[in-house]
Amino acid sequence: MTQKEMLHIVQSQLAIDLNCTIDDLNGENDSIIFVEAKENPGCRPFRRNERYFEIVSMGKSIVVSATPERLLIAKAQMQGKDRDTVFSLPFIRGLYLHYLPDLKRIKPVLPPENFSFVLIEQDEAINLLDVTGFNNAIIYDTDHPWQTNLAVLAKKGGKIVGVAGASKTCAKLWQIGIDVLPEYRNFGLASYLVNTLTFKILELGDVPSYDVIASNLASQKVAQRSGYFPGWVSDWKCDFKGLETLPSN
């Protein structure tokens, strides 16, 4: 897979999710494209309320996908504004950075010494539900739209001290999460686990992403050390209280 092929896979999926086009995602710098949200065939099974809003940028144009009333509110508040003002509007409560592997520079990370490592395949992943304390890496909710499908465990003396888990959210995209117990941080475990799991997913011909809230600098450093680059940004949460005709849900 080349970098260009990977980006095409990602943009094709985002276009389905947002109900926009690939051209919309690559529009003129800081231009804003407004589209009405729609659950298209093949969209990732994110839980959506009756009223929905999402804003995404891959570094050029900005795509806003929302249900009708929220779309009207967004248009009124965003048109004529620059990028920083748009992403700082009061109803946008935090940002998610979505990292992708840099296929031109990524290379295997050496394993930290004095730990053992285990790759958990899909059939074994259900056993991770008995391993507590790794909420960023393991999906414990069996009713969640997707589950943990792959994981790499770090062990010390037979005890699990770190987990990188990956969930397949659609045909070609995976999400990676990482957790390391506090007393075992700063040994390089997080970068090694994420990097190892990344190569496993790439070997399958699929695309992993590493998603982090913008304020989490430690997690962003893990992404960079693991061979990732910022692929796109989206809102983390939104709050339209006081802006809609009915109370927010």
C-alpha atoms as a PDB file:
ATOM      1  CA  MET A   1       0.000   0.000   0.000  1.00  0.00           C
ATOM      2  CA  THR A   2       1.310   3.441  -0.901  1.00  0.00           C
ATOM      3  CA  GLN A   3       0.656   6.675   0.982  1.00  0.00           C
ATOM      4  CA  LYS A   4      -1.609   7.808  -1.866  1.00  0.00           C
ATOM      5  CA  GLU A   5      -3.612   4.569  -1.761  1.00  0.00           C
ATOM      6  CA  MET A   6      -3.977   4.806   2.002  1.00  0.00           C
ATOM      7  CA  LEU A   7      -5.289   8.378   1.833  1.00  0.00           C
ATOM      8  CA  HIS A   8      -7.755   7.366  -0.871  1.00  0.00           C
ATOM      9  CA  ILE A   9      -9.121   4.601   1.384  1.00  0.00           C
ATOM     10  CA  VAL A  10      -9.475   7.041   4.292  1.00  0.00           C
ATOM     11  CA  GLN A  11     -11.063   9.800   2.229  1.00  0.00           C
ATOM     12  CA  SER A  12     -13.467   7.368   0.566  1.00  0.00           C
ATOM     13  CA  GLN A  13     -14.685   6.258   3.993  1.00  0.00           C
ATOM     14  CA  LEU A  14     -14.925   9.785   5.378  1.00  0.00           C
ATOM     15  CA  ALA A  15     -16.957  10.797   2.319  1.00  0.00           C
ATOM     16  CA  ILE A  16     -19.427   7.986   3.040  1.00  0.00           C
ATOM     17  CA  ASP A  17     -19.596   8.875   6.743  1.00  0.00           C
ATOM     18  CA  LEU A  18     -20.061  12.604   6.153  1.00  0.00           C
ATOM     19  CA  ASN A  19     -22.263  12.325   3.049  1.00  0.00           C
ATOM     20  CA  CYS A  20     -19.803  14.420   1.055  1.00  0.00           C
ATOM     21  CA  THR A  21     -17.358  13.766  -1.793  1.00  0.00           C
ATOM     22  CA  ILE A  22     -13.619  13.196  -1.875  1.00  0.00           C
ATOM     23  CA  ASP A  23     -13.346  16.497  -3.767  1.00  0.00           C
ATOM     24  CA  ASP A  24     -15.102  18.216  -0.857  1.00  0.00           C
ATOM     25  CA  LEU A  25     -12.366  16.973   1.484  1.00  0.00           C
ATOM     26  CA  ASN A  26      -9.707  18.396  -0.840  1.00  0.00           C
ATOM     27  CA  GLY A  27     -11.294  21.765  -1.561  1.00  0.00           C
ATOM     28  CA  GLU A  28      -9.644  25.138  -1.377  1.00  0.00           C
ATOM     29  CA  ASN A  29      -7.814  26.015   1.832  1.00  0.00           C
ATOM     30  CA  ASP A  30     -10.178  27.071   4.631  1.00  0.00           C
ATOM     31  CA  SER A  31     -13.244  26.840   2.390  1.00  0.00           C
ATOM     32  CA  ILE A  32     -16.293  25.425   4.212  1.00  0.00           C
ATOM     33  CA  ILE A  33     -18.543  22.792   2.643  1.00  0.00           C
ATOM     34  CA  PHE A  34     -21.924  22.242   4.326  1.00  0.00           C
ATOM     35  CA  VAL A  35     -23.715  18.917   3.729  1.00  0.00           C
ATOM     36  CA  GLU A  36     -26.796  17.360   5.270  1.00  0.00           C
ATOM     37  CA  ALA A  37     -25.943  14.300   7.352  1.00  0.00           C
ATOM     38  CA  LYS A  38     -27.123  10.935   6.095  1.00  0.00           C
ATOM     39  CA  GLU A  39     -26.428   7.352   7.126  1.00  0.00           C
ATOM     40  CA  ASN A  40     -25.186   5.994   3.813  1.00  0.00           C
ATOM     41  CA  PRO A  41     -24.604   2.291   3.110  1.00  0.00           C
ATOM     42  CA  GLY A  42     -21.117   1.409   4.335  1.00  0.00           C
ATOM     43  CA  CYS A  43     -20.826   4.231   6.880  1.00  0.00           C
ATOM     44  CA  ARG A  44     -19.083   3.393  10.116  1.00  0.00           C
ATOM     45  CA  PRO A  45     -21.581   2.475  12.838  1.00  0.00           C
ATOM     46  CA  PHE A  46     -21.030   5.484  15.080  1.00  0.00           C
ATOM     47  CA  ARG A  47     -23.980   6.050  17.370  1.00  0.00           C
ATOM     48  CA  ARG A  48     -25.909   9.055  16.102  1.00  0.00           C
ATOM     49  CA  ASN A  49     -28.681  10.936  17.845  1.00  0.00           C
ATOM     50  CA  GLU A  50     -31.665  12.308  15.966  1.00  0.00           C
ATOM     51  CA  ARG A  51     -29.774  15.605  15.866  1.00  0.00           C
ATOM     52  CA  TYR A  52     -26.221  15.250  14.644  1.00  0.00           C
ATOM     53  CA  PHE A  53     -23.159  17.404  13.919  1.00  0.00           C
ATOM     54  CA  GLU A  54     -19.628  16.668  12.753  1.00  0.00           C
ATOM     55  CA  ILE A  55     -16.874  18.924  11.452  1.00  0.00           C
ATOM     56  CA  VAL A  56     -13.802  17.505   9.686  1.00  0.00           C
ATOM     57  CA  SER A  57     -10.719  18.892   8.005  1.00  0.00           C
ATOM     58  CA  MET A  58      -7.781  17.088   6.418  1.00  0.00           C
ATOM     59  CA  GLY A  59      -5.794  20.322   6.247  1.00  0.00           C
ATOM     60  CA  LYS A  60      -7.435  22.058   3.313  1.00  0.00           C
ATOM     61  CA  SER A  61     -11.195  22.566   3.209  1.00  0.00           C
ATOM     62  CA  ILE A  62     -13.555  22.134   6.161  1.00  0.00           C
ATOM     63  CA  VAL A  63     -16.555  19.811   5.827  1.00  0.00           C
ATOM     64  CA  VAL A  64     -19.541  20.255   8.125  1.00  0.00           C
ATOM     65  CA  SER A  65     -22.063  17.403   8.158  1.00  0.00           C
ATOM     66  CA  ALA A  66     -25.190  17.885  10.267  1.00  0.00           C
ATOM     67  CA  THR A  67     -28.903  17.379  10.524  1.00  0.00           C
ATOM     68  CA  PRO A  68     -30.992  20.289   9.126  1.00  0.00           C
ATOM     69  CA  GLU A  69     -31.351  22.601  12.127  1.00  0.00           C
ATOM     70  CA  ARG A  70     -27.755  22.205  13.256  1.00  0.00           C
ATOM     71  CA  LEU A  71     -26.607  22.728   9.677  1.00  0.00           C
ATOM     72  CA  LEU A  72     -28.451  26.058   9.557  1.00  0.00           C
ATOM     73  CA  ILE A  73     -26.897  27.093  12.876  1.00  0.00           C
ATOM     74  CA  ALA A  74     -23.433  26.129  11.648  1.00  0.00           C
ATOM     75  CA  LYS A  75     -23.873  28.099   8.422  1.00  0.00           C
ATOM     76  CA  ALA A  76     -24.992  31.199  10.319  1.00  0.00           C
ATOM     77  CA  GLN A  77     -22.038  31.010  12.715  1.00  0.00           C
ATOM     78  CA  MET A  78     -19.285  29.859  10.337  1.00  0.00           C
ATOM     79  CA  GLN A  79     -19.714  31.597   7.010  1.00  0.00           C
ATOM     80  CA  GLY A  80     -17.092  34.262   6.491  1.00  0.00           C
ATOM     81  CA  LYS A  81     -14.977  33.038   9.430  1.00  0.00           C
ATOM     82  CA  ASP A  82     -11.371  31.816   9.280  1.00  0.00           C
ATOM     83  CA  ARG A  83     -10.310  28.296  10.256  1.00  0.00           C
ATOM     84  CA  ASP A  84      -9.240  29.065  13.824  1.00  0.00           C
ATOM     85  CA  THR A  85     -12.466  30.922  14.566  1.00  0.00           C
ATOM     86  CA  VAL A  86     -14.581  28.106  13.097  1.00  0.00           C
ATOM     87  CA  PHE A  87     -12.934  25.411  15.208  1.00  0.00           C
ATOM     88  CA  SER A  88     -13.165  27.634  18.301  1.00  0.00           C
ATOM     89  CA  LEU A  89     -16.909  28.298  18.142  1.00  0.00           C
ATOM     90  CA  PRO A  90     -18.542  27.729  21.547  1.00  0.00           C
ATOM     91  CA  PHE A  91     -20.718  24.782  20.469  1.00  0.00           C
ATOM     92  CA  ILE A  92     -17.596  22.791  19.478  1.00  0.00           C
ATOM     93  CA  ARG A  93     -16.319  21.274  22.725  1.00  0.00           C
ATOM     94  CA  GLY A  94     -12.832  19.940  22.047  1.00  0.00           C
ATOM     95  CA  LEU A  95     -11.102  18.398  19.034  1.00  0.00           C
ATOM     96  CA  TYR A  96      -9.988  14.914  18.055  1.00  0.00           C
ATOM     97  CA  LEU A  97      -6.741  14.442  16.122  1.00  0.00           C
ATOM     98  CA  HIS A  98      -6.747  11.346  13.925  1.00  0.00           C
ATOM     99  CA  TYR A  99      -3.275  10.034  13.119  1.00  0.00           C
ATOM    100  CA  LEU A 100      -2.329   7.789  10.186  1.00  0.00           C
ATOM    101  CA  PRO A 101       0.862   5.768   9.670  1.00  0.00           C
ATOM    102  CA  ASP A 102       3.497   7.584   7.647  1.00  0.00           C
ATOM    103  CA  LEU A 103       4.255   4.809   5.181  1.00  0.00           C
ATOM    104  CA  LYS A 104       7.333   6.647   3.905  1.00  0.00           C
ATOM    105  CA  ARG A 105       9.142   6.685   7.251  1.00  0.00           C
ATOM    106  CA  ILE A 106       7.548   4.184   9.625  1.00  0.00           C
ATOM    107  CA  LYS A 107       9.855   1.405  10.809  1.00  0.00           C
ATOM    108  CA  PRO A 108       9.647  -1.257  13.525  1.00  0.00           C
ATOM    109  CA  VAL A 109      10.263  -0.026  17.054  1.00  0.00           C
ATOM    110  CA  LEU A 110      12.624  -2.144  19.151  1.00  0.00           C
ATOM    111  CA  PRO A 111      10.940  -3.902  22.095  1.00  0.00           C
ATOM    112  CA  PRO A 112      11.791  -2.611  25.575  1.00  0.00           C
ATOM    113  CA  GLU A 113      13.938  -5.009  27.579  1.00  0.00           C
ATOM    114  CA  ASN A 114      12.671  -7.179  30.447  1.00  0.00           C
ATOM    115  CA  PHE A 115       9.110  -7.481  29.146  1.00  0.00           C
ATOM    116  CA  SER A 116       7.372 -10.227  27.206  1.00  0.00           C
ATOM    117  CA  PHE A 117       4.830  -9.603  24.449  1.00  0.00           C
ATOM    118  CA  VAL A 118       1.828 -11.537  23.151  1.00  0.00           C
ATOM    119  CA  LEU A 119      -0.247 -10.960  20.017  1.00  0.00           C
ATOM    120  CA  ILE A 120      -3.947 -11.702  20.538  1.00  0.00           C
ATOM    121  CA  GLU A 121      -5.807 -12.659  17.367  1.00  0.00           C
ATOM    122  CA  GLN A 122      -9.513 -12.152  16.771  1.00  0.00           C
ATOM    123  CA  ASP A 123     -10.727 -15.499  18.138  1.00  0.00           C
ATOM    124  CA  GLU A 124      -8.848 -14.875  21.392  1.00  0.00           C
ATOM    125  CA  ALA A 125      -9.831 -11.231  21.803  1.00  0.00           C
ATOM    126  CA  ILE A 126     -12.967 -12.103  23.762  1.00  0.00           C
ATOM    127  CA  ASN A 127     -10.706 -13.301  26.586  1.00  0.00           C
ATOM    128  CA  LEU A 128      -9.551  -9.702  27.063  1.00  0.00           C
ATOM    129  CA  LEU A 129     -12.921  -8.888  28.621  1.00  0.00           C
ATOM    130  CA  ASP A 130     -11.587 -10.513  31.794  1.00  0.00           C
ATOM    131  CA  VAL A 131      -8.591  -8.140  31.845  1.00  0.00           C
ATOM    132  CA  THR A 132      -9.638  -4.955  33.655  1.00  0.00           C
ATOM    133  CA  GLY A 133      -8.092  -1.503  33.760  1.00  0.00           C
ATOM    134  CA  PHE A 134      -7.356  -0.947  30.072  1.00  0.00           C
ATOM    135  CA  ASN A 135     -10.386   1.060  28.970  1.00  0.00           C
ATOM    136  CA  ASN A 136      -8.578   2.971  26.211  1.00  0.00           C
ATOM    137  CA  ALA A 137      -7.336  -0.236  24.583  1.00  0.00           C
ATOM    138  CA  ILE A 138     -10.129  -2.759  25.185  1.00  0.00           C
ATOM    139  CA  ILE A 139     -13.834  -2.344  24.456  1.00  0.00           C
ATOM    140  CA  TYR A 140     -15.604  -3.945  27.408  1.00  0.00           C
ATOM    141  CA  ASP A 141     -19.135  -3.074  26.282  1.00  0.00           C
ATOM    142  CA  THR A 142     -20.399  -6.109  24.355  1.00  0.00           C
ATOM    143  CA  ASP A 143     -23.258  -3.985  22.981  1.00  0.00           C
ATOM    144  CA  HIS A 144     -20.849  -1.503  21.376  1.00  0.00           C
ATOM    145  CA  PRO A 145     -21.126  -1.324  17.548  1.00  0.00           C
ATOM    146  CA  TRP A 146     -17.631  -2.810  17.244  1.00  0.00           C
ATOM    147  CA  GLN A 147     -15.334  -4.823  19.482  1.00  0.00           C
ATOM    148  CA  THR A 148     -11.609  -5.345  20.081  1.00  0.00           C
ATOM    149  CA  ASN A 149     -10.408  -7.566  17.251  1.00  0.00           C
ATOM    150  CA  LEU A 150      -6.629  -7.530  17.689  1.00  0.00           C
ATOM    151  CA  ALA A 151      -4.311  -6.693  20.571  1.00  0.00           C
ATOM    152  CA  VAL A 152      -0.686  -6.774  21.629  1.00  0.00           C
ATOM    153  CA  LEU A 153      -0.059  -7.340  25.332  1.00  0.00           C
ATOM    154  CA  ALA A 154       3.013  -6.399  27.358  1.00  0.00           C
ATOM    155  CA  LYS A 155       3.693  -8.598  30.385  1.00  0.00           C
ATOM    156  CA  LYS A 156       5.987  -8.382  33.360  1.00  0.00           C
ATOM    157  CA  GLY A 157       6.319 -11.471  35.506  1.00  0.00           C
ATOM    158  CA  GLY A 158       3.165 -12.902  33.940  1.00  0.00           C
ATOM    159  CA  LYS A 159       1.149  -9.747  34.724  1.00  0.00           C
ATOM    160  CA  ILE A 160      -0.374  -7.710  31.887  1.00  0.00           C
ATOM    161  CA  VAL A 161       1.028  -4.193  32.231  1.00  0.00           C
ATOM    162  CA  GLY A 162       0.199  -2.689  28.830  1.00  0.00           C
ATOM    163  CA  VAL A 163      -2.268  -3.274  26.001  1.00  0.00           C
ATOM    164  CA  ALA A 164      -2.616  -1.880  22.500  1.00  0.00           C
ATOM    165  CA  GLY A 165      -6.002  -2.906  21.118  1.00  0.00           C
ATOM    166  CA  ALA A 166      -7.470  -2.442  17.658  1.00  0.00           C
ATOM    167  CA  SER A 167     -11.068  -2.502  16.472  1.00  0.00           C
ATOM    168  CA  LYS A 168     -12.169  -2.892  12.861  1.00  0.00           C
ATOM    169  CA  THR A 169     -14.782  -0.187  12.373  1.00  0.00           C
ATOM    170  CA  CYS A 170     -15.540  -0.862   8.694  1.00  0.00           C
ATOM    171  CA  ALA A 171     -14.227  -2.786   5.687  1.00  0.00           C
ATOM    172  CA  LYS A 172     -10.739  -1.196   5.633  1.00  0.00           C
ATOM    173  CA  LEU A 173     -10.290   1.038   8.700  1.00  0.00           C
ATOM    174  CA  TRP A 174      -9.187   0.159  12.231  1.00  0.00           C
ATOM    175  CA  GLN A 175      -8.906   2.244  15.398  1.00  0.00           C
ATOM    176  CA  ILE A 176      -6.012   1.675  17.807  1.00  0.00           C
ATOM    177  CA  GLY A 177      -6.097   2.461  21.523  1.00  0.00           C
ATOM    178  CA  ILE A 178      -3.327   2.131  24.111  1.00  0.00           C
ATOM    179  CA  ASP A 179      -3.110   1.725  27.891  1.00  0.00           C
ATOM    180  CA  VAL A 180      -0.036   1.186  30.065  1.00  0.00           C
ATOM    181  CA  LEU A 181      -0.276   0.868  33.835  1.00  0.00           C
ATOM    182  CA  PRO A 182       1.129   4.017  35.513  1.00  0.00           C
ATOM    183  CA  GLU A 183       4.090   2.322  37.160  1.00  0.00           C
ATOM    184  CA  TYR A 184       5.262   0.895  33.805  1.00  0.00           C
ATOM    185  CA  ARG A 185       5.163   4.095  31.757  1.00  0.00           C
ATOM    186  CA  ASN A 186       8.246   5.813  30.296  1.00  0.00           C
ATOM    187  CA  PHE A 187       9.837   2.497  29.310  1.00  0.00           C
ATOM    188  CA  GLY A 188       8.809   2.807  25.667  1.00  0.00           C
ATOM    189  CA  LEU A 189       6.009   0.262  25.955  1.00  0.00           C
ATOM    190  CA  ALA A 190       3.263   2.411  24.431  1.00  0.00           C
ATOM    191  CA  SER A 191       5.239   3.205  21.271  1.00  0.00           C
ATOM    192  CA  TYR A 192       6.323  -0.395  20.815  1.00  0.00           C
ATOM    193  CA  LEU A 193       2.815  -1.815  21.298  1.00  0.00           C
ATOM    194  CA  VAL A 194       1.157   0.702  18.954  1.00  0.00           C
ATOM    195  CA  ASN A 195       3.882   0.294  16.336  1.00  0.00           C
ATOM    196  CA  THR A 196       3.696  -3.515  16.429  1.00  0.00           C
ATOM    197  CA  LEU A 197      -0.071  -3.508  16.102  1.00  0.00           C
ATOM    198  CA  THR A 198       0.159  -0.986  13.268  1.00  0.00           C
ATOM    199  CA  PHE A 199       2.364  -3.291  11.196  1.00  0.00           C
ATOM    200  CA  LYS A 200       0.001  -6.205  11.850  1.00  0.00           C
ATOM    201  CA  ILE A 201      -2.948  -4.220  10.463  1.00  0.00           C
ATOM    202  CA  LEU A 202      -0.936  -2.993   7.479  1.00  0.00           C
ATOM    203  CA  GLU A 203      -0.013  -6.611   6.715  1.00  0.00           C
ATOM    204  CA  LEU A 204      -3.745  -7.317   6.423  1.00  0.00           C
ATOM    205  CA  GLY A 205      -3.968  -4.635   3.720  1.00  0.00           C
ATOM    206  CA  ASP A 206      -6.018  -2.353   5.971  1.00  0.00           C
ATOM    207  CA  VAL A 207      -5.495   1.135   7.429  1.00  0.00           C
ATOM    208  CA  PRO A 208      -5.038   1.812  11.171  1.00  0.00           C
ATOM    209  CA  SER A 209      -5.716   5.170  12.784  1.00  0.00           C
ATOM    210  CA  TYR A 210      -4.627   6.413  16.180  1.00  0.00           C
ATOM    211  CA  ASP A 211      -7.093   8.914  17.612  1.00  0.00           C
ATOM    212  CA  VAL A 212      -6.335  11.322  20.447  1.00  0.00           C
ATOM    213  CA  ILE A 213      -7.996  14.300  22.094  1.00  0.00           C
ATOM    214  CA  ALA A 214      -6.044  17.424  21.128  1.00  0.00           C
ATOM    215  CA  SER A 215      -5.101  18.255  24.734  1.00  0.00           C
ATOM    216  CA  ASN A 216      -3.424  14.856  25.310  1.00  0.00           C
ATOM    217  CA  LEU A 217       0.180  15.678  24.415  1.00  0.00           C
ATOM    218  CA  ALA A 218       1.565  12.436  25.869  1.00  0.00           C
ATOM    219  CA  SER A 219      -0.617  10.376  23.542  1.00  0.00           C
ATOM    220  CA  GLN A 220       0.351  12.557  20.570  1.00  0.00           C
ATOM    221  CA  LYS A 221       4.026  11.848  21.329  1.00  0.00           C
ATOM    222  CA  VAL A 222       3.237   8.120  21.288  1.00  0.00           C
ATOM    223  CA  ALA A 223       1.708   8.533  17.835  1.00  0.00           C
ATOM    224  CA  GLN A 224       4.771  10.351  16.532  1.00  0.00           C
ATOM    225  CA  ARG A 225       7.235   7.843  18.032  1.00  0.00           C
ATOM    226  CA  SER A 226       5.174   5.001  16.568  1.00  0.00           C
ATOM    227  CA  GLY A 227       5.492   6.383  13.031  1.00  0.00           C
ATOM    228  CA  TYR A 228       2.253   8.331  12.612  1.00  0.00           C
ATOM    229  CA  PHE A 229       1.362  11.766  11.249  1.00  0.00           C
ATOM    230  CA  PRO A 230      -1.797  13.902  11.762  1.00  0.00           C
ATOM    231  CA  GLY A 231      -4.308  12.789   9.113  1.00  0.00           C
ATOM    232  CA  TRP A 232      -7.427  14.769   9.964  1.00  0.00           C
ATOM    233  CA  VAL A 233      -9.150  16.669  12.748  1.00  0.00           C
ATOM    234  CA  SER A 234     -12.749  16.456  13.913  1.00  0.00           C
ATOM    235  CA  ASP A 235     -14.873  17.675  16.805  1.00  0.00           C
ATOM    236  CA  TRP A 236     -14.727  15.658  20.007  1.00  0.00           C
ATOM    237  CA  LYS A 237     -18.072  16.787  21.381  1.00  0.00           C
ATOM    238  CA  CYS A 238     -20.630  19.461  20.580  1.00  0.00           C
ATOM    239  CA  ASP A 239     -23.225  21.320  22.622  1.00  0.00           C
ATOM    240  CA  PHE A 240     -26.002  23.264  20.897  1.00  0.00           C
ATOM    241  CA  LYS A 241     -27.743  24.219  24.132  1.00  0.00           C
ATOM    242  CA  GLY A 242     -29.478  27.571  23.699  1.00  0.00           C
ATOM    243  CA  LEU A 243     -29.067  27.505  19.926  1.00  0.00           C
ATOM    244  CA  GLU A 244     -31.757  24.978  18.952  1.00  0.00           C
ATOM    245  CA  THR A 245     -35.521  25.317  19.085  1.00  0.00           C
ATOM    246  CA  LEU A 246     -35.702  22.215  21.296  1.00  0.00           C
ATOM    247  CA  PRO A 247     -33.385  21.212  24.193  1.00  0.00           C
ATOM    248  CA  SER A 248     -30.205  19.435  23.060  1.00  0.00           C
ATOM    249  CA  ASN A 249     -30.160  15.650  23.186  1.00  0.00           C
END
